[in-house]
Every structure is written in C-alpha cells, then in structure tokens.
C-alpha cells in the first residue's frame, strides 16, 4: 500500500503511530509493525494503533493496538486517550465509546483540555488476568532479590505490581525481564515497579509486554493505584508520576478506574511501506 497516512501522538512520552483504516483493507504484518516502530529505520513508536469501524455497532469506533515487537495488545490507556482526542475533535462531541480487544472504554474531554478515560472494571480472578493456575492474585508469592509478593490485576491487559522502598536501587532491566518471563503469566505481563511517596503520590516505572520500558503506561498507572489502595498504601485517588509526567488515577467504588492526563499531537505524515526495510527480526 502506497502513501499511508498516519498521525504521530504521545501521552506523557508514551508514543504512537495512529493510522485511520476505517476505509482501508489494511492490517500490517508483524515485520511491517517492527519496521514502522523502529526509531532508526522507521517512524518510531511504542505501539501502532489502527482506527476501525465498530464491527457490531456497540461503540462509536474500534481500535487495534500492536506492540513494537509486532504482537497485538488488548488495550492501552494512553493510546486510547490519544485516539480519543482525534476522534472527539472529528465528531465534535465531548464523549465517545471506543471498542478495544480488552473491552469498551468511555472517553471524555474535560474543560481544561485533559482527556479522561473510564478503563472499565478491574479484574482480579486468576483466569481473567490470566495466570497459569489458581492463586492469590493479591500476593503471587514471587521472591526476587529486591522484589517480593507481586499484585496481579487486569485492565484489559495483564499487569503485576511490586512496591519498593527505594526505586533507584532496583536493577530494573534484570528484575523486570525475570518477571516477564515467568511461566505463571501464560500471555506475558506488564511489570510495574512503584514507590509510594504519600497517600496521594506514587512514583512508577513500567516494563511493557512487547515494547520494553516506556516513559508512561496508562493501564500500568491504573493497576498500580488499585494495588496500592488494596494494600492500604493510598487513597482511591492518586497522582502517578512516571518518567514522562503525571496521570491522575481514580479507583471508584464500583471498581471502575478513571485515568486523566494530557495528550499531544506531534506531526502528520505519509509513509510508503514498500520503501521501508521489513527485514527486522
């Protein structure tokens, strides 16, 4: 396909290539996704997102999300907020429902220009996350050098959260890769390492399944607040501070989780897939 239009956007540095495929018969091959996502040979992004029509009419739009390694993700909070900003402007409305593989997401643009999404109901059952066998999802019993226990939850995609006293003392790459390869996570897992600064502030670093370390992760921020609240470390509302900036997260009494923060459009462009090197392994 020649001259494919795209928009480059990011939410707190968590960046995306967004392609409107509502009128196109287009689904990129894993090799094409890898090349488009490559920051030297392609455009560069954490994830590639396709906008599509909602197949069953249950939402206003549908999005498909692909990690930079070519695998498909069920959901992504920051990607949904970025696409939401585009579609809210196009639809000239303040509210939309977007369908993802992980479920339906309500999107709203606030008066201050921030984009807020209702990520739906958090899932705690072992088979919903999923884990490989029945176990206490609030304490997985993981024991590593500097990480213990592990709180697992699904926000449409699987997460595990660890808390530490000094986040800068953790060997992030070593510990996160170990956790991500554990057999108890048959679909892989996003690894969140957090340090609670107060009942209203958490510092967080995230190793995303299929993308590696990112500057921000929306569903990771949501999972971390849920874990912190369940451990009585924070209130239901908290600021989650990541390398790319801050998100405001609210864990409602009905188990819905709200995420609010800024998004930015970087540029628009055209890309010719035939001109890209698609031999990245």
Protein backbone atom coordinates (compact mmCIF):
# COMPACT_ATOMS: atom_id res chain seq x y z
CA UNK A 1 0.00 0.00 0.00
CA UNK A 2 1.43 3.35 -1.04
CA UNK A 3 1.35 6.67 0.80
CA UNK A 4 -0.28 5.51 4.00
CA UNK A 5 -1.41 8.46 6.13
CA UNK A 6 -0.55 8.49 9.83
CA UNK A 7 -0.57 10.74 12.88
CA UNK A 8 2.23 10.63 15.47
CA UNK A 9 0.95 11.30 19.02
CA UNK A 10 2.05 10.70 22.58
CA UNK A 11 0.67 10.66 26.10
CA UNK A 12 3.46 11.65 28.50
CA UNK A 13 6.10 10.34 26.10
CA UNK A 14 4.31 7.03 25.54
CA UNK A 15 4.19 7.43 21.75
CA UNK A 16 2.05 6.00 18.97
CA UNK A 17 1.70 5.80 15.22
CA UNK A 18 -2.03 6.14 14.56
CA UNK A 19 -3.48 5.02 11.22
CA UNK A 20 -7.11 5.60 10.24
CA UNK A 21 -8.07 2.35 8.47
CA UNK A 22 -11.85 2.78 8.52
CA UNK A 23 -11.91 2.98 4.72
CA UNK A 24 -8.92 0.69 4.13
CA UNK A 25 -8.48 -3.08 3.98
CA UNK A 26 -5.28 -2.84 5.96
CA UNK A 27 -3.69 -4.90 8.70
CA UNK A 28 0.09 -4.60 8.95
CA UNK A 29 2.31 -7.65 9.05
CA UNK A 30 4.47 -8.13 12.17
CA UNK A 31 7.58 -7.30 10.10
CA UNK A 32 5.97 -4.05 8.95
CA UNK A 33 4.99 -3.14 12.51
CA UNK A 34 8.56 -3.75 13.69
CA UNK A 35 9.94 -1.53 10.96
CA UNK A 36 7.42 1.28 11.41
CA UNK A 37 8.12 1.21 15.16
CA UNK A 38 11.89 1.22 14.74
CA UNK A 39 13.29 4.60 15.79
CA UNK A 40 16.16 4.49 13.27
CA UNK A 41 14.71 2.69 10.25
CA UNK A 42 11.07 3.72 10.58
CA UNK A 43 8.91 6.36 12.21
CA UNK A 44 9.41 5.12 15.75
CA UNK A 45 6.82 4.39 18.45
CA UNK A 46 5.96 2.24 21.44
CA UNK A 47 2.80 0.99 19.72
CA UNK A 48 0.99 1.22 16.40
CA UNK A 49 -2.77 1.85 16.51
CA UNK A 50 -5.40 1.25 13.81
CA UNK A 51 -8.72 3.09 13.91
CA UNK A 52 -11.57 0.95 12.57
CA UNK A 53 -15.34 0.97 12.50
CA UNK A 54 -17.01 -0.84 15.39
CA UNK A 55 -17.95 -4.23 13.93
CA UNK A 56 -21.11 -4.80 15.98
CA UNK A 57 -22.09 -1.19 16.46
CA UNK A 58 -21.53 -1.49 20.20
CA UNK A 59 -19.18 1.51 20.20
CA UNK A 60 -18.53 4.66 18.21
CA UNK A 61 -15.20 3.33 16.96
CA UNK A 62 -12.83 0.38 17.35
CA UNK A 63 -9.06 0.39 17.72
CA UNK A 64 -6.48 -2.35 17.24
CA UNK A 65 -3.20 -1.95 19.13
CA UNK A 66 0.13 -3.52 18.17
CA UNK A 67 3.31 -3.55 20.23
CA UNK A 68 6.62 -2.59 18.68
CA UNK A 69 7.63 -6.28 18.51
CA UNK A 70 4.67 -7.00 16.22
CA UNK A 71 2.42 -8.64 18.81
CA UNK A 72 -1.12 -7.43 19.45
CA UNK A 73 -2.15 -5.81 22.75
CA UNK A 74 -5.63 -5.99 24.24
CA UNK A 75 -5.70 -2.41 25.48
CA UNK A 76 -3.60 0.68 26.14
CA UNK A 77 -4.79 3.61 28.19
CA UNK A 78 -2.54 6.27 26.67
CA UNK A 79 -3.21 5.07 23.12
CA UNK A 80 -6.93 5.24 23.79
CA UNK A 81 -6.59 8.78 25.13
CA UNK A 82 -4.61 9.87 22.04
CA UNK A 83 -7.06 8.33 19.59
CA UNK A 84 -9.89 9.71 21.69
CA UNK A 85 -8.54 13.24 21.27
CA UNK A 86 -8.54 12.84 17.48
CA UNK A 87 -12.00 11.31 17.29
CA UNK A 88 -13.58 13.74 19.75
CA UNK A 89 -12.37 16.59 17.56
CA UNK A 90 -13.65 14.88 14.41
CA UNK A 91 -17.03 14.04 15.95
CA UNK A 92 -17.41 17.48 17.54
CA UNK A 93 -18.57 15.89 20.77
CA UNK A 94 -17.28 15.61 24.34
CA UNK A 95 -17.92 11.89 24.90
CA UNK A 96 -17.22 8.72 22.92
CA UNK A 97 -17.09 4.96 23.42
CA UNK A 98 -14.15 3.10 21.87
CA UNK A 99 -14.03 -0.67 21.49
CA UNK A 100 -10.74 -2.44 22.24
CA UNK A 101 -9.81 -6.12 22.49
CA UNK A 102 -9.85 -5.61 26.25
CA UNK A 103 -13.35 -4.12 26.38
CA UNK A 104 -15.24 -0.86 25.93
CA UNK A 105 -13.68 2.42 27.03
CA UNK A 106 -15.55 5.68 27.71
CA UNK A 107 -13.66 8.83 26.70
CA UNK A 108 -14.32 12.41 27.75
CA UNK A 109 -12.58 15.71 27.08
CA UNK A 110 -12.56 17.91 30.17
CA UNK A 111 -12.84 21.70 30.21
CA UNK A 112 -9.10 22.05 30.81
CA UNK A 113 -8.34 20.05 27.65
CA UNK A 114 -7.29 16.93 29.51
CA UNK A 115 -8.53 13.59 28.18
CA UNK A 116 -10.16 11.26 30.70
CA UNK A 117 -10.96 7.60 30.07
CA UNK A 118 -13.02 5.11 32.05
CA UNK A 119 -10.98 1.92 31.64
CA UNK A 120 -13.87 -0.21 32.88
CA UNK A 121 -13.90 -2.69 35.74
CA UNK A 122 -10.65 -4.10 37.08
CA UNK A 123 -10.42 -7.92 37.02
CA UNK A 124 -8.86 -9.84 39.88
CA UNK A 125 -9.66 -13.51 39.17
CA UNK A 126 -6.63 -15.62 38.23
CA UNK A 127 -8.18 -16.86 34.97
CA UNK A 128 -9.20 -13.34 33.87
CA UNK A 129 -5.68 -11.89 34.14
CA UNK A 130 -4.68 -14.68 33.12
CA UNK A 131 -2.40 -16.69 35.38
CA UNK A 132 -1.35 -20.27 34.68
CA UNK A 133 -3.21 -21.75 37.67
CA UNK A 134 -5.39 -20.68 40.63
CA UNK A 135 -3.55 -18.50 43.13
CA UNK A 136 -3.95 -15.42 45.29
CA UNK A 137 -3.69 -12.59 42.75
CA UNK A 138 -3.08 -10.04 45.53
CA UNK A 139 0.09 -11.84 46.62
CA UNK A 140 1.68 -14.08 43.99
CA UNK A 141 4.48 -15.11 46.33
CA UNK A 142 7.21 -14.01 43.93
CA UNK A 143 10.60 -13.72 45.60
CA UNK A 144 13.44 -11.94 43.84
CA UNK A 145 16.48 -10.03 45.08
CA UNK A 146 14.65 -6.77 45.67
CA UNK A 147 11.05 -7.58 44.70
CA UNK A 148 8.60 -9.67 46.67
CA UNK A 149 4.96 -10.76 46.60
CA UNK A 150 3.51 -9.24 43.40
CA UNK A 151 -0.07 -7.97 42.99
CA UNK A 152 -1.72 -9.00 39.72
CA UNK A 153 -4.73 -7.38 38.03
CA UNK A 154 -6.14 -6.98 34.52
CA UNK A 155 -7.20 -3.70 32.96
CA UNK A 156 -7.92 -5.45 29.66
CA UNK A 157 -4.26 -6.50 29.66
CA UNK A 158 -2.27 -8.33 32.36
CA UNK A 159 -0.26 -6.44 34.99
CA UNK A 160 1.82 -7.30 38.02
CA UNK A 161 2.76 -4.60 40.55
CA UNK A 162 5.64 -4.54 43.03
CA UNK A 163 6.31 -1.93 45.71
CA UNK A 164 9.75 -0.96 46.93
CA UNK A 165 11.30 1.49 49.40
CA UNK A 166 13.93 2.91 47.03
CA UNK A 167 13.08 2.62 43.35
CA UNK A 168 16.52 3.84 42.24
CA UNK A 169 18.16 0.85 43.94
CA UNK A 170 16.31 -1.68 41.79
CA UNK A 171 18.06 -3.24 38.80
CA UNK A 172 15.07 -2.54 36.59
CA UNK A 173 16.14 -4.38 33.47
CA UNK A 174 17.28 -7.53 35.26
CA UNK A 175 14.29 -7.80 37.60
CA UNK A 176 11.61 -6.87 35.06
CA UNK A 177 12.85 -9.30 32.43
CA UNK A 178 12.91 -12.10 35.02
CA UNK A 179 9.30 -11.41 35.98
CA UNK A 180 8.11 -11.02 32.39
CA UNK A 181 9.42 -14.50 31.53
CA UNK A 182 7.80 -16.30 34.47
CA UNK A 183 5.61 -19.22 33.44
CA UNK A 184 2.77 -18.12 35.72
CA UNK A 185 1.97 -15.46 33.10
CA UNK A 186 0.97 -17.51 30.02
CA UNK A 187 0.02 -14.40 27.99
CA UNK A 188 3.00 -12.39 29.22
CA UNK A 189 2.69 -9.49 31.65
CA UNK A 190 3.37 -5.78 32.09
CA UNK A 191 5.70 -5.28 35.05
CA UNK A 192 5.16 -2.24 37.30
CA UNK A 193 7.65 -1.23 39.99
CA UNK A 194 6.38 1.50 42.28
CA UNK A 195 7.42 3.57 45.28
CA UNK A 196 4.70 5.20 47.38
CA UNK A 197 5.69 8.77 48.26
CA UNK A 198 2.45 9.61 50.09
CA UNK A 199 -1.21 8.59 50.07
CA UNK A 200 -1.64 10.93 47.09
CA UNK A 201 1.56 10.30 45.11
CA UNK A 202 3.25 7.22 43.64
CA UNK A 203 6.42 7.03 41.54
CA UNK A 204 6.28 4.32 38.88
CA UNK A 205 8.39 2.65 36.23
CA UNK A 206 6.86 0.19 33.76
CA UNK A 207 8.27 -2.58 31.58
CA UNK A 208 5.60 -3.17 28.96
CA UNK A 209 4.98 -6.54 27.38
CA UNK A 210 6.05 -6.34 23.73
CA UNK A 211 7.54 -2.84 23.99
CA UNK A 212 10.01 -2.77 26.90
CA UNK A 213 10.49 0.25 29.15
CA UNK A 214 8.24 3.20 28.26
CA UNK A 215 8.06 6.76 29.55
CA UNK A 216 4.48 6.19 30.70
CA UNK A 217 1.87 3.45 30.80
CA UNK A 218 -1.78 4.29 31.40
CA UNK A 219 -3.03 0.84 32.34
CA UNK A 220 0.12 0.37 34.45
CA UNK A 221 -0.71 3.54 36.38
CA UNK A 222 -4.25 2.22 36.93
CA UNK A 223 -3.03 -1.20 38.06
CA UNK A 224 -0.56 0.40 40.47
CA UNK A 225 -3.18 2.56 42.19
CA UNK A 226 -5.50 -0.43 42.52
CA UNK A 227 -2.72 -2.45 44.14
CA UNK A 228 -1.71 0.42 46.43
CA UNK A 229 -5.30 1.02 47.55
CA UNK A 230 -5.86 -2.68 48.23
CA UNK A 231 -2.73 -2.67 50.40
CA UNK A 232 -3.95 0.48 52.20
CA UNK A 233 -0.97 2.46 50.95
CA UNK A 234 -3.00 5.18 49.25
CA UNK A 235 -6.50 6.60 48.94
CA UNK A 236 -8.76 5.90 45.95
CA UNK A 237 -7.42 8.97 44.13
CA UNK A 238 -3.73 9.48 43.50
CA UNK A 239 -1.18 11.05 41.18
CA UNK A 240 1.03 8.53 39.40
CA UNK A 241 4.39 10.05 38.43
CA UNK A 242 6.34 8.39 35.60
CA UNK A 243 9.36 9.40 33.55
CA UNK A 244 7.15 11.17 31.02
CA UNK A 245 4.94 13.01 33.51
CA UNK A 246 1.89 12.52 35.71
CA UNK A 247 -1.52 10.89 35.38
CA UNK A 248 -4.43 11.36 37.77
CA UNK A 249 -5.97 8.00 38.61
CA UNK A 250 -9.25 7.37 40.46
CA UNK A 251 -10.41 3.94 41.63
CA UNK A 252 -14.18 4.25 42.00
CA UNK A 253 -16.34 2.37 44.49
CA UNK A 254 -17.90 0.33 41.66
CA UNK A 255 -14.39 -0.90 40.66
CA UNK A 256 -14.27 1.29 37.56
CA UNK A 257 -10.95 3.05 37.08
CA UNK A 258 -10.56 6.57 35.64
CA UNK A 259 -7.38 7.90 34.06
CA UNK A 260 -6.87 11.59 33.25
CA UNK A 261 -3.96 13.41 31.65
CA UNK A 262 -2.62 15.33 28.64
CA UNK A 263 -2.02 14.10 25.10
CA UNK A 264 -0.04 15.73 22.29
CA UNK A 265 -0.13 15.53 18.51
CA UNK A 266 3.45 15.61 17.22
CA UNK A 267 3.03 15.56 13.43
CA UNK A 268 1.15 14.05 10.49
CA UNK A 269 2.75 12.32 7.53
CA UNK A 270 2.72 9.78 4.74
CA UNK A 271 4.70 6.55 4.69
CA UNK A 272 5.26 4.09 1.85
CA UNK A 273 5.61 0.58 3.23
CA UNK A 274 7.39 -0.54 0.06
CA UNK A 275 10.20 1.87 0.83
CA UNK A 276 10.71 0.54 4.34
CA UNK A 277 13.12 -2.20 5.21
CA UNK A 278 10.93 -5.02 6.51
CA UNK A 279 13.69 -7.49 7.32
CA UNK A 280 13.96 -6.59 11.02
CA UNK A 281 13.84 -9.76 13.07
